[in-house]
Amino acid sequence: MSFTVEILQNNLLPLPEPLCTALGFAVGDILVCEMNIERNEMRMVKHTDQTLSDEAIEATSNLTRVISLSADE
């Protein structure tokens, strides 16, 4: 499975619905993001601890929370 997306303003990364469904990602999930610069790609998996606060997520360099863009527009 391969998807290509462009990073938006404020470093937002849109995740297509089919990708979220296939990987079991949902709004509120915490993801680990691993960048592979040599291949120009990013790997994302669910973090083992889904109870982290937003502050704890911000304190890391590789965690993010899945949000709904439609709610913020």
N, C-alpha and C. Protein backbone atom coordinates (compact mmCIF):
# COMPACT_ATOMS: atom_id res chain seq x y z
N MET A 1 0.85 -1.16 0.00
CA MET A 1 0.00 0.00 0.00
C MET A 1 0.90 1.23 0.00
N SER A 2 0.58 2.17 -0.86
CA SER A 2 1.37 3.39 -0.96
C SER A 2 0.46 4.58 -1.21
N PHE A 3 0.67 5.63 -0.45
CA PHE A 3 -0.08 6.87 -0.63
C PHE A 3 0.91 8.01 -0.72
N THR A 4 0.62 8.99 -1.54
CA THR A 4 1.42 10.19 -1.63
C THR A 4 0.56 11.37 -1.21
N VAL A 5 1.05 12.13 -0.23
CA VAL A 5 0.34 13.33 0.22
C VAL A 5 1.34 14.45 0.39
N GLU A 6 0.88 15.68 0.33
CA GLU A 6 1.73 16.84 0.53
C GLU A 6 1.52 17.40 1.92
N ILE A 7 2.60 17.80 2.57
CA ILE A 7 2.51 18.43 3.88
C ILE A 7 1.92 19.82 3.69
N LEU A 8 0.90 20.13 4.48
CA LEU A 8 0.20 21.41 4.38
C LEU A 8 0.85 22.46 5.28
N GLN A 9 0.29 23.66 5.25
CA GLN A 9 0.74 24.74 6.13
C GLN A 9 0.68 24.27 7.58
N ASN A 10 1.58 24.74 8.41
CA ASN A 10 1.69 24.36 9.83
C ASN A 10 2.07 22.89 10.00
N ASN A 11 2.71 22.31 8.98
CA ASN A 11 3.17 20.91 9.02
C ASN A 11 2.05 19.90 9.20
N LEU A 12 0.85 20.22 8.72
CA LEU A 12 -0.24 19.26 8.76
C LEU A 12 -0.07 18.25 7.64
N LEU A 13 -0.30 17.00 7.94
CA LEU A 13 -0.18 15.92 6.97
C LEU A 13 -1.54 15.25 6.81
N PRO A 14 -2.21 15.50 5.68
CA PRO A 14 -3.53 14.90 5.49
C PRO A 14 -3.41 13.39 5.26
N LEU A 15 -4.20 12.62 6.00
CA LEU A 15 -4.22 11.17 5.85
C LEU A 15 -5.51 10.78 5.15
N PRO A 16 -5.41 10.22 3.94
CA PRO A 16 -6.62 9.83 3.22
C PRO A 16 -7.43 8.80 4.02
N GLU A 17 -8.75 8.88 3.93
CA GLU A 17 -9.63 7.98 4.66
C GLU A 17 -9.30 6.50 4.40
N PRO A 18 -9.03 6.10 3.14
CA PRO A 18 -8.69 4.68 2.92
C PRO A 18 -7.43 4.25 3.68
N LEU A 19 -6.46 5.15 3.81
CA LEU A 19 -5.25 4.83 4.55
C LEU A 19 -5.56 4.66 6.04
N CYS A 20 -6.32 5.58 6.59
CA CYS A 20 -6.70 5.49 8.01
C CYS A 20 -7.46 4.21 8.29
N THR A 21 -8.37 3.86 7.41
CA THR A 21 -9.15 2.64 7.58
C THR A 21 -8.26 1.41 7.52
N ALA A 22 -7.39 1.37 6.53
CA ALA A 22 -6.51 0.21 6.36
C ALA A 22 -5.56 0.02 7.53
N LEU A 23 -5.09 1.12 8.11
CA LEU A 23 -4.12 1.03 9.21
C LEU A 23 -4.77 1.09 10.59
N GLY A 24 -6.07 1.34 10.64
CA GLY A 24 -6.77 1.39 11.92
C GLY A 24 -6.54 2.68 12.68
N PHE A 25 -6.19 3.77 11.97
CA PHE A 25 -6.00 5.07 12.61
C PHE A 25 -7.35 5.75 12.78
N ALA A 26 -7.54 6.43 13.90
CA ALA A 26 -8.77 7.17 14.14
C ALA A 26 -8.43 8.51 14.78
N VAL A 27 -9.36 9.45 14.70
CA VAL A 27 -9.17 10.76 15.33
C VAL A 27 -8.88 10.54 16.82
N GLY A 28 -7.83 11.19 17.31
CA GLY A 28 -7.43 11.06 18.71
C GLY A 28 -6.26 10.12 18.92
N ASP A 29 -5.98 9.23 17.95
CA ASP A 29 -4.86 8.30 18.08
C ASP A 29 -3.53 9.06 18.10
N ILE A 30 -2.58 8.53 18.86
CA ILE A 30 -1.23 9.08 18.89
C ILE A 30 -0.35 8.21 18.01
N LEU A 31 0.38 8.85 17.10
CA LEU A 31 1.22 8.14 16.14
C LEU A 31 2.69 8.48 16.34
N VAL A 32 3.54 7.49 16.07
CA VAL A 32 4.99 7.68 16.02
C VAL A 32 5.34 7.91 14.56
N CYS A 33 6.04 8.99 14.27
CA CYS A 33 6.43 9.33 12.90
C CYS A 33 7.93 9.15 12.75
N GLU A 34 8.32 8.33 11.79
CA GLU A 34 9.73 8.09 11.51
C GLU A 34 10.03 8.49 10.08
N MET A 35 10.92 9.46 9.92
CA MET A 35 11.27 9.98 8.61
C MET A 35 12.43 9.21 8.02
N ASN A 36 12.33 8.84 6.76
CA ASN A 36 13.43 8.23 6.01
C ASN A 36 13.80 9.21 4.91
N ILE A 37 14.79 10.04 5.18
CA ILE A 37 15.18 11.10 4.26
C ILE A 37 15.75 10.53 2.96
N GLU A 38 16.47 9.42 3.06
CA GLU A 38 17.06 8.82 1.86
C GLU A 38 16.00 8.40 0.85
N ARG A 39 14.85 7.95 1.34
CA ARG A 39 13.78 7.50 0.44
C ARG A 39 12.66 8.54 0.33
N ASN A 40 12.81 9.67 1.02
CA ASN A 40 11.82 10.75 0.96
C ASN A 40 10.43 10.24 1.35
N GLU A 41 10.37 9.54 2.50
CA GLU A 41 9.10 9.00 2.96
C GLU A 41 9.02 9.04 4.48
N MET A 42 7.81 8.85 4.99
CA MET A 42 7.58 8.83 6.42
C MET A 42 6.80 7.56 6.78
N ARG A 43 7.20 6.93 7.86
CA ARG A 43 6.51 5.75 8.38
C ARG A 43 5.76 6.17 9.63
N MET A 44 4.50 5.76 9.75
CA MET A 44 3.69 6.11 10.92
C MET A 44 3.05 4.85 11.49
N VAL A 45 3.18 4.69 12.80
CA VAL A 45 2.55 3.57 13.51
C VAL A 45 1.93 4.12 14.79
N LYS A 46 0.94 3.39 15.32
CA LYS A 46 0.33 3.82 16.58
C LYS A 46 1.35 3.70 17.71
N HIS A 47 1.37 4.72 18.57
CA HIS A 47 2.24 4.72 19.74
C HIS A 47 1.70 3.72 20.75
N THR A 48 2.59 3.11 21.51
CA THR A 48 2.17 2.09 22.47
C THR A 48 1.36 2.68 23.62
N ASP A 49 1.59 3.95 23.97
CA ASP A 49 0.87 4.61 25.07
C ASP A 49 -0.08 5.64 24.48
N GLN A 50 -1.36 5.30 24.42
CA GLN A 50 -2.36 6.20 23.85
C GLN A 50 -2.94 7.16 24.89
N THR A 51 -2.36 7.22 26.08
CA THR A 51 -2.90 8.06 27.15
C THR A 51 -2.12 9.35 27.35
N LEU A 52 -1.15 9.65 26.47
CA LEU A 52 -0.32 10.85 26.64
C LEU A 52 -1.14 12.12 26.47
N SER A 53 -0.78 13.14 27.23
CA SER A 53 -1.41 14.45 27.10
C SER A 53 -0.83 15.18 25.90
N ASP A 54 -1.50 16.24 25.47
CA ASP A 54 -0.98 17.05 24.36
C ASP A 54 0.40 17.62 24.71
N GLU A 55 0.61 17.97 25.98
CA GLU A 55 1.89 18.52 26.42
C GLU A 55 2.99 17.47 26.29
N ALA A 56 2.69 16.22 26.65
CA ALA A 56 3.68 15.14 26.54
C ALA A 56 4.01 14.87 25.08
N ILE A 57 3.01 14.96 24.22
CA ILE A 57 3.24 14.76 22.78
C ILE A 57 4.14 15.86 22.24
N GLU A 58 3.86 17.10 22.61
CA GLU A 58 4.66 18.24 22.14
C GLU A 58 6.10 18.17 22.64
N ALA A 59 6.33 17.53 23.78
CA ALA A 59 7.68 17.44 24.34
C ALA A 59 8.57 16.47 23.56
N THR A 60 7.97 15.67 22.70
CA THR A 60 8.74 14.73 21.90
C THR A 60 8.99 15.33 20.52
N SER A 61 9.84 14.68 19.76
CA SER A 61 10.09 15.18 18.41
C SER A 61 9.46 14.29 17.34
N ASN A 62 8.86 13.17 17.74
CA ASN A 62 8.37 12.25 16.72
C ASN A 62 6.95 11.72 16.98
N LEU A 63 6.20 12.36 17.87
CA LEU A 63 4.82 11.93 18.12
C LEU A 63 3.84 12.99 17.62
N THR A 64 2.69 12.54 17.19
CA THR A 64 1.63 13.44 16.76
C THR A 64 0.29 12.81 17.06
N ARG A 65 -0.76 13.63 17.13
CA ARG A 65 -2.10 13.12 17.36
C ARG A 65 -2.91 13.31 16.08
N VAL A 66 -3.72 12.32 15.74
CA VAL A 66 -4.59 12.42 14.57
C VAL A 66 -5.74 13.37 14.92
N ILE A 67 -5.92 14.40 14.10
CA ILE A 67 -7.01 15.36 14.31
C ILE A 67 -7.87 15.40 13.05
N SER A 68 -9.07 15.91 13.19
CA SER A 68 -9.94 16.08 12.04
C SER A 68 -9.78 17.49 11.50
N LEU A 69 -9.40 17.61 10.24
CA LEU A 69 -9.25 18.93 9.64
C LEU A 69 -10.61 19.58 9.40
N SER A 70 -11.63 18.79 9.15
CA SER A 70 -12.95 19.37 8.89
C SER A 70 -13.50 20.08 10.11
N ALA A 71 -13.13 19.66 11.30
CA ALA A 71 -13.59 20.32 12.53
C ALA A 71 -12.87 21.64 12.75
N ASP A 72 -11.67 21.79 12.17
CA ASP A 72 -10.87 22.99 12.39
C ASP A 72 -11.04 24.03 11.29
N GLU A 73 -11.71 23.67 10.20
CA GLU A 73 -11.83 24.60 9.07
C GLU A 73 -12.90 25.63 9.30
